[in-house]
N, C-alpha and C. Protein backbone atom coordinates (compact mmCIF):
# COMPACT_ATOMS: atom_id res chain seq x y z
N UNK A 1 130.30 77.26 84.92
CA UNK A 1 130.04 78.39 85.85
C UNK A 1 128.39 78.41 86.61
N UNK A 2 128.31 78.62 87.73
CA UNK A 2 126.91 78.38 88.01
C UNK A 2 126.25 79.68 87.29
N UNK A 3 124.75 79.39 87.27
CA UNK A 3 123.94 80.84 87.21
C UNK A 3 123.13 81.03 88.98
N UNK A 4 123.08 82.13 89.05
CA UNK A 4 122.34 82.50 90.50
C UNK A 4 120.93 83.19 90.13
N UNK A 5 120.24 82.86 91.11
CA UNK A 5 118.74 83.30 91.08
C UNK A 5 118.50 83.71 92.49
N UNK A 6 117.71 84.82 92.65
CA UNK A 6 117.13 85.29 94.21
C UNK A 6 115.51 85.23 93.70
N UNK A 7 115.13 84.87 94.90
CA UNK A 7 113.56 84.55 95.30
C UNK A 7 113.18 85.60 96.34
N UNK A 8 112.03 86.12 96.30
CA UNK A 8 111.30 86.50 97.35
C UNK A 8 109.97 86.53 97.74
N UNK A 9 109.53 86.57 98.78
CA UNK A 9 108.25 86.48 99.06
C UNK A 9 107.78 87.31 100.41
N UNK A 10 106.89 88.22 99.75
CA UNK A 10 106.25 89.45 101.00
C UNK A 10 105.03 88.93 101.34
N UNK A 11 104.18 88.19 100.75
CA UNK A 11 102.77 87.87 100.62
C UNK A 11 102.80 87.02 102.11
N UNK A 12 101.56 87.33 102.94
CA UNK A 12 101.29 86.28 104.39
C UNK A 12 100.80 85.21 104.24
N UNK A 13 101.16 84.13 104.68
CA UNK A 13 100.44 82.94 104.54
C UNK A 13 100.20 82.18 105.94
N UNK A 14 98.95 81.84 106.24
CA UNK A 14 98.89 81.31 107.54
C UNK A 14 99.40 79.65 107.27
N UNK A 15 99.93 79.33 108.58
CA UNK A 15 100.67 77.95 108.98
C UNK A 15 99.76 77.31 109.67
N UNK A 16 99.10 75.94 109.31
CA UNK A 16 98.17 75.24 110.45
C UNK A 16 99.55 74.55 111.21
N UNK A 17 99.13 74.32 112.35
CA UNK A 17 100.25 73.34 113.05
C UNK A 17 100.44 72.04 112.59
N UNK A 18 101.64 71.54 112.52
CA UNK A 18 102.03 70.23 112.17
C UNK A 18 101.63 69.56 110.97
N UNK A 19 101.84 70.84 110.00
CA UNK A 19 101.55 70.46 108.35
C UNK A 19 102.48 71.29 107.94
N UNK A 20 102.90 70.44 106.94
CA UNK A 20 104.35 70.81 105.94
C UNK A 20 103.46 71.64 105.00
N UNK A 21 103.99 72.90 104.65
CA UNK A 21 103.47 73.79 103.91
C UNK A 21 104.63 74.24 103.00
N UNK A 22 104.30 74.22 101.40
CA UNK A 22 105.05 74.65 100.22
C UNK A 22 105.23 75.86 100.30
N UNK A 23 106.28 76.59 100.29
CA UNK A 23 106.56 78.06 99.92
C UNK A 23 106.57 78.35 98.59
N UNK A 24 105.61 79.38 98.03
CA UNK A 24 105.60 79.74 96.83
C UNK A 24 106.19 81.19 96.85
N UNK A 25 107.23 81.38 96.19
CA UNK A 25 107.67 82.42 96.05
C UNK A 25 107.06 83.66 95.25
N UNK A 26 106.93 85.05 95.65
CA UNK A 26 106.23 85.86 94.96
C UNK A 26 106.67 86.02 93.41
N UNK A 27 107.98 86.15 93.59
CA UNK A 27 108.85 86.60 92.28
C UNK A 27 110.31 86.16 92.75
N UNK A 28 110.92 86.12 90.96
CA UNK A 28 112.42 85.87 90.98
C UNK A 28 112.56 87.00 90.65
N UNK A 29 114.32 87.11 90.53
CA UNK A 29 114.58 88.53 90.10
C UNK A 29 114.64 88.84 88.67
N UNK A 30 114.20 88.11 87.81
CA UNK A 30 114.09 88.17 86.52
C UNK A 30 112.56 88.83 86.05
N UNK A 31 111.82 88.86 87.13
CA UNK A 31 110.41 89.17 86.94
C UNK A 31 109.28 88.17 87.12
N UNK A 32 109.92 86.68 86.93
CA UNK A 32 108.63 85.58 87.03
C UNK A 32 108.12 85.72 88.26
N UNK A 33 106.78 85.09 88.58
CA UNK A 33 105.98 85.32 89.63
C UNK A 33 105.39 84.11 90.05
N UNK A 34 104.78 83.98 90.88
CA UNK A 34 104.11 82.54 91.76
C UNK A 34 105.13 81.58 91.49
N UNK A 35 106.39 81.49 91.90
CA UNK A 35 107.33 80.50 91.60
C UNK A 35 107.45 79.49 92.72
N UNK A 36 107.60 78.12 92.19
CA UNK A 36 107.62 76.96 93.22
C UNK A 36 108.73 76.10 92.81
N UNK A 37 109.52 76.25 91.46
CA UNK A 37 110.60 75.88 91.04
C UNK A 37 111.87 76.93 91.55
N UNK A 38 112.56 76.20 92.38
CA UNK A 38 113.74 77.41 92.65
C UNK A 38 115.02 76.78 91.99
N UNK A 39 114.84 75.69 91.77
CA UNK A 39 116.09 74.82 90.57
C UNK A 39 115.27 73.94 89.56
N UNK A 40 116.00 73.75 88.32
CA UNK A 40 115.39 72.32 87.90
C UNK A 40 116.63 71.74 87.28
N UNK A 41 116.37 70.77 86.56
CA UNK A 41 117.21 69.68 86.31
C UNK A 41 118.90 70.13 86.53
N UNK A 42 119.51 69.45 87.36
CA UNK A 42 120.91 69.86 87.25
C UNK A 42 121.20 69.74 89.17
N UNK A 43 122.41 70.28 89.14
CA UNK A 43 122.68 70.64 90.64
C UNK A 43 122.44 71.58 91.16
N UNK A 44 122.16 72.15 92.38
CA UNK A 44 121.87 73.32 92.99
C UNK A 44 122.40 72.94 94.19
N UNK A 45 122.55 74.60 94.77
CA UNK A 45 122.98 74.90 96.08
C UNK A 45 122.15 76.01 96.53
N UNK A 46 121.38 75.66 97.51
CA UNK A 46 120.16 76.36 97.76
C UNK A 46 120.31 77.28 99.39
N UNK A 47 120.13 78.41 99.77
CA UNK A 47 119.93 78.98 100.76
C UNK A 47 118.40 79.44 100.71
N UNK A 48 117.84 79.59 101.94
CA UNK A 48 116.46 79.96 102.33
C UNK A 48 116.37 80.56 103.61
N UNK A 49 115.83 81.96 103.81
CA UNK A 49 115.47 82.33 105.04
C UNK A 49 113.97 82.49 105.19
N UNK A 50 113.29 81.89 106.24
CA UNK A 50 111.80 82.61 106.32
C UNK A 50 111.85 83.29 107.73
N UNK A 51 110.42 84.45 107.79
CA UNK A 51 110.32 85.24 109.13
C UNK A 51 108.93 84.66 109.52
N UNK A 52 108.73 84.12 110.55
CA UNK A 52 107.37 83.37 110.70
C UNK A 52 106.88 84.78 111.95
N UNK A 53 105.44 84.72 112.12
CA UNK A 53 105.11 85.59 113.43
C UNK A 53 104.09 84.69 113.89
N UNK A 54 103.65 85.18 115.23
CA UNK A 54 102.48 84.47 115.84
C UNK A 54 102.89 83.37 116.35
N UNK A 55 104.06 82.73 116.62
CA UNK A 55 104.42 81.38 116.98
C UNK A 55 104.71 81.63 118.67
N UNK A 56 104.36 80.76 119.12
CA UNK A 56 104.05 80.45 120.78
C UNK A 56 105.80 80.43 121.23
N UNK A 57 106.30 80.82 122.29
CA UNK A 57 107.51 80.53 122.55
C UNK A 57 107.70 79.11 122.81
N UNK A 58 109.01 78.34 122.36
CA UNK A 58 108.72 77.14 122.66
C UNK A 58 108.44 76.16 121.25
N UNK A 59 108.29 76.72 120.18
CA UNK A 59 107.49 76.38 119.35
C UNK A 59 108.99 75.98 118.52
N UNK A 60 108.82 74.66 117.99
CA UNK A 60 109.85 74.20 116.68
C UNK A 60 109.63 74.53 115.65
N UNK A 61 110.13 75.14 114.67
CA UNK A 61 109.95 75.38 113.25
C UNK A 61 111.18 74.64 112.35
N UNK A 62 110.70 73.96 111.27
CA UNK A 62 111.62 73.30 110.60
C UNK A 62 111.20 73.69 108.95
N UNK A 63 112.65 73.83 108.55
CA UNK A 63 112.50 74.25 107.04
C UNK A 63 113.48 73.19 106.23
N UNK A 64 112.94 72.78 105.17
CA UNK A 64 113.47 71.85 104.26
C UNK A 64 113.23 71.86 102.99
N UNK A 65 114.57 71.49 102.05
CA UNK A 65 114.28 71.56 100.68
C UNK A 65 113.55 69.90 100.29
N UNK A 66 112.76 70.08 99.04
CA UNK A 66 112.10 68.92 98.47
C UNK A 66 112.54 68.84 97.24
N UNK A 67 112.99 67.54 96.43
CA UNK A 67 113.01 67.34 95.27
C UNK A 67 112.04 66.78 94.34
N UNK A 68 111.48 67.28 93.31
CA UNK A 68 110.24 66.72 93.18
C UNK A 68 110.61 66.15 91.55
N UNK A 69 109.69 64.84 91.16
CA UNK A 69 109.87 64.06 89.90
C UNK A 69 109.29 65.21 88.98
N UNK A 70 109.43 64.60 87.76
CA UNK A 70 108.92 65.30 86.34
C UNK A 70 107.05 65.33 86.81
N UNK A 71 106.51 64.61 87.36
CA UNK A 71 105.32 64.49 87.49
C UNK A 71 104.95 65.39 88.53
N UNK A 72 105.53 66.16 89.39
CA UNK A 72 105.35 66.89 90.72
C UNK A 72 105.33 66.26 91.84
N UNK A 73 105.26 65.07 91.79
CA UNK A 73 105.42 63.99 93.00
C UNK A 73 106.77 64.52 93.72
N UNK A 74 106.75 64.21 94.99
CA UNK A 74 108.04 64.48 95.76
C UNK A 74 108.72 63.22 95.62
N UNK A 75 110.08 63.64 95.33
CA UNK A 75 110.92 62.54 95.06
C UNK A 75 111.97 62.21 96.18
N UNK A 76 112.26 63.34 96.95
CA UNK A 76 113.37 63.16 98.14
C UNK A 76 113.18 64.49 98.75
N UNK A 77 112.34 64.28 99.96
CA UNK A 77 112.23 65.15 101.15
C UNK A 77 113.65 64.99 101.88
N UNK A 78 114.37 66.18 101.75
CA UNK A 78 115.68 66.32 102.31
C UNK A 78 115.51 66.27 104.08
N UNK A 79 116.81 66.25 104.52
CA UNK A 79 116.58 66.42 106.16
C UNK A 79 116.34 67.69 106.53
N UNK A 80 115.43 68.04 107.48
CA UNK A 80 115.00 69.15 107.68
C UNK A 80 115.93 69.95 108.66
N UNK A 81 116.00 71.14 109.06
CA UNK A 81 116.88 71.86 109.95
C UNK A 81 115.71 72.79 110.82
N UNK A 82 115.89 72.28 112.06
CA UNK A 82 114.76 72.70 113.10
C UNK A 82 115.42 73.57 114.02
N UNK A 83 114.58 74.83 114.54
CA UNK A 83 115.16 75.50 115.54
C UNK A 83 113.89 75.75 116.30
N UNK A 84 114.20 76.01 117.72
CA UNK A 84 112.98 76.22 118.97
C UNK A 84 112.84 77.63 118.98
N UNK A 85 111.77 78.37 118.85
CA UNK A 85 111.70 79.95 119.10
C UNK A 85 111.23 80.27 120.38
N UNK A 86 111.49 81.53 120.78
CA UNK A 86 111.63 82.16 122.15
C UNK A 86 110.76 83.34 122.15
N UNK A 87 110.26 83.93 120.91
CA UNK A 87 109.66 85.37 121.09
C UNK A 87 108.31 85.84 120.64
N UNK A 88 108.05 84.89 119.85
CA UNK A 88 106.83 85.35 119.11
C UNK A 88 106.80 85.52 117.52
N UNK A 89 108.05 86.00 117.28
CA UNK A 89 108.73 86.44 116.06
C UNK A 89 109.89 85.52 115.57
N UNK A 90 110.10 85.03 114.41
CA UNK A 90 111.28 83.95 114.26
C UNK A 90 111.98 83.95 112.74
N UNK A 91 113.20 84.12 113.14
CA UNK A 91 113.77 84.07 111.49
C UNK A 91 114.89 82.85 111.48
N UNK A 92 114.20 82.00 110.42
CA UNK A 92 114.90 80.91 110.39
C UNK A 92 115.84 80.46 109.18
N UNK A 93 117.09 80.02 108.97
CA UNK A 93 117.55 79.67 107.88
C UNK A 93 117.99 78.62 107.44
N UNK A 94 117.90 77.71 106.33
CA UNK A 94 118.33 76.47 105.98
C UNK A 94 119.28 76.61 104.60
N UNK A 95 119.90 75.65 104.58
CA UNK A 95 120.84 75.42 103.15
C UNK A 95 120.63 73.61 102.55
N UNK A 96 120.87 74.04 101.51
CA UNK A 96 120.92 72.25 101.29
C UNK A 96 121.59 72.47 99.41
N UNK A 97 122.29 71.02 99.40
CA UNK A 97 122.86 70.80 98.06
C UNK A 97 122.62 69.63 97.44
N UNK A 98 122.14 69.70 96.21
CA UNK A 98 121.94 68.63 95.63
C UNK A 98 121.63 68.40 94.07
N UNK A 99 120.72 67.26 93.80
CA UNK A 99 120.70 67.33 92.17
C UNK A 99 119.31 67.16 91.75
N UNK A 100 118.70 67.55 91.08
CA UNK A 100 117.47 67.58 90.38
C UNK A 100 117.32 66.36 89.23
N UNK A 101 116.34 65.55 89.38
CA UNK A 101 116.38 64.65 88.08
C UNK A 101 115.82 65.45 87.25
N UNK A 102 116.22 65.10 85.74
CA UNK A 102 115.47 65.34 84.68
C UNK A 102 113.86 65.38 84.65
N UNK A 103 113.45 66.90 84.22
CA UNK A 103 112.26 66.88 84.37
C UNK A 103 111.46 67.44 85.63
N UNK A 104 112.48 67.50 86.81
CA UNK A 104 112.02 67.80 88.07
C UNK A 104 112.36 69.04 88.61
N UNK A 105 112.32 69.17 89.70
CA UNK A 105 112.29 70.60 90.34
C UNK A 105 112.58 70.52 91.96
N UNK A 106 113.07 71.69 92.52
CA UNK A 106 113.26 71.55 93.81
C UNK A 106 112.40 72.78 94.52
N UNK A 107 111.99 72.42 95.58
CA UNK A 107 111.17 73.61 96.44
C UNK A 107 111.81 73.67 97.81
N UNK A 108 110.63 74.36 98.54
CA UNK A 108 111.06 74.32 100.24
C UNK A 108 109.58 74.48 100.86
N UNK A 109 109.93 73.66 101.79
CA UNK A 109 108.25 73.36 102.73
C UNK A 109 108.97 73.78 104.06
N UNK A 110 107.91 74.34 105.05
CA UNK A 110 108.08 74.72 106.40
C UNK A 110 106.88 74.01 107.16
N UNK A 111 107.42 73.80 108.32
CA UNK A 111 106.41 73.12 109.27
C UNK A 111 106.59 73.98 110.58
N UNK A 112 105.68 73.84 111.44
CA UNK A 112 106.12 74.89 112.73
C UNK A 112 104.91 73.78 113.56
N UNK A 113 105.30 73.50 114.79
CA UNK A 113 104.78 72.62 115.69
C UNK A 113 103.89 73.55 117.05
N UNK A 114 103.61 74.48 116.89
CA UNK A 114 102.63 75.18 117.81
C UNK A 114 101.45 74.99 118.12
N UNK A 115 100.25 75.22 118.93
CA UNK A 115 99.44 74.84 119.20
C UNK A 115 98.32 75.46 118.26
N UNK A 116 98.82 76.72 117.86
CA UNK A 116 97.49 77.73 116.66
C UNK A 116 98.42 77.76 115.38
N UNK A 117 97.84 78.42 114.30
CA UNK A 117 98.26 78.79 113.30
C UNK A 117 99.53 79.76 113.51
N UNK A 118 100.53 79.92 112.97
CA UNK A 118 101.55 80.89 113.04
C UNK A 118 101.65 81.60 111.38
N UNK A 119 102.22 82.60 111.21
CA UNK A 119 102.10 83.23 109.77
C UNK A 119 103.55 83.62 109.35
N UNK A 120 103.71 83.02 107.88
CA UNK A 120 104.84 83.16 107.20
C UNK A 120 104.70 84.60 106.57
N UNK A 121 105.55 85.81 107.16
CA UNK A 121 105.68 86.93 106.67
C UNK A 121 106.58 87.08 105.47
N UNK A 122 107.27 86.71 105.71
CA UNK A 122 108.37 87.05 104.28
C UNK A 122 109.08 85.60 104.13
N UNK A 123 109.80 85.64 102.86
CA UNK A 123 111.32 84.44 102.67
C UNK A 123 111.82 84.92 101.57
N UNK A 124 112.94 84.45 101.39
CA UNK A 124 114.03 84.79 100.38
C UNK A 124 114.72 83.66 100.10
N UNK A 125 115.27 83.45 99.02
CA UNK A 125 116.14 82.13 98.73
C UNK A 125 116.96 82.63 98.04
N UNK A 126 118.12 82.27 98.11
CA UNK A 126 119.48 82.21 96.90
C UNK A 126 119.96 81.05 96.22
N UNK A 127 119.63 80.74 95.13
CA UNK A 127 119.82 79.44 94.35
C UNK A 127 121.08 79.58 93.42
N UNK A 128 122.05 78.88 93.60
CA UNK A 128 123.50 78.66 92.58
C UNK A 128 122.99 77.29 91.48
N UNK A 129 122.78 77.38 90.28
CA UNK A 129 122.61 76.10 89.43
C UNK A 129 123.44 75.72 88.58
N UNK A 130 123.64 74.45 88.48
CA UNK A 130 124.78 74.13 87.36
C UNK A 130 124.03 72.88 86.43
N UNK A 131 124.13 73.34 85.27
CA UNK A 131 123.05 72.11 84.23
C UNK A 131 123.71 70.88 84.17
N UNK A 132 122.99 69.82 84.10
CA UNK A 132 123.74 68.75 84.10
C UNK A 132 124.19 68.44 82.45
C-alpha cells in the first residue's frame, strides 16, 4: 500500500530567467518545514502545480522532477513539461513517476524563459511512495 504526502509552498521566490530553480516547499502535511525531499528511497508518483506571476506573454515555463543521489548531486533530471504563458500569471502542472536510489531523494525544479525575473507565488505537490 502506498503512502501519501501533500506539500505546500506559500512563500514567494524570484525566478531569474533561464535558470533552473529548486522548489523548497514550506511544509508537509505532518508539519515538517523547509522541505526539499518529496520522496526518498523507493518508488514515487509525483504531481505538482506551481503558480507564477510577472511573466511576459509568450514566455515558456518548464517544470521537472530531479532525482538526487545520497550525496545530494543530481542523478537524473527527468524530462521537463513545458507550457507557453499568455497573460502574466500562470498555473503550471507536472507529473512524473520514478524510483529514488538508496539514500537519495526526489525534488522539483522550475525555469522560465522570459526577459526579466518572474515570481513563484505558490506551489503544491501530492506524492505517493512505495518503499523498496
